[in-house]
Amino acid sequence: MGHKEFYQALSICAERLRTQISDGKDISITAKDTPDGVVSAGILTYAIFSLGNKCSARFVPDLTPDLILKVKGDSHDQQIFVDVGTGLSTDIRNSFGNNWLVISHDNLSSEEIITDDENCILNPCKYEIDGHKEISSGGISYLIAKSIDKKFNVLSYLAVISALAEK
């Protein structure tokens, strides 16, 4: 596995999100309250609104099983967890079925990699890419937005800011 497989998975996630946006699905973004999480959510929110849909965003210091249940109670069609959720995929899957996506560059357990049959975790570690050196969550969010529509290439500076904030 490597960069090619990562970009293939990213394209699949971007296409899934593009379909949800065009179908008017109610999208919720839960992001870590760090610069990387805030920038990531900002990129995705901008893309969603620019394409004519709406979403909500919340910022948290950490994702916990209790918070997952609270998010579930909000009854959105699609959940996106940005820079949070690593290590909690079983809880997330049990709460949201296949209607979720975790975008993170943090290390994953081999169990999370093996059990992600629905490709709901977009993480460079799954593809033997060092998420702490090569790409931030903001960078992944930028690549998703750019894959949805090339007009979002103007957001590239945000991916740089996000990466610098991680250092």
Foldseek 3Di string as FASTA:
>chain_A
DADVVLLVLLLVVLVVVLVCLVVQFEEEEEFEPALLRVLLVVLLQVLSVVSPHHYYYDYDNADDLVVLVVVLVVDTQAYEYFQYDAVPVVSNCVSHPLRYAYQFADDHDVVCLVPVPSSRYNYNVNRVDRSLPPFGSSRSSLSSSCSNPVVSVVSVVSRVVSNVSSD
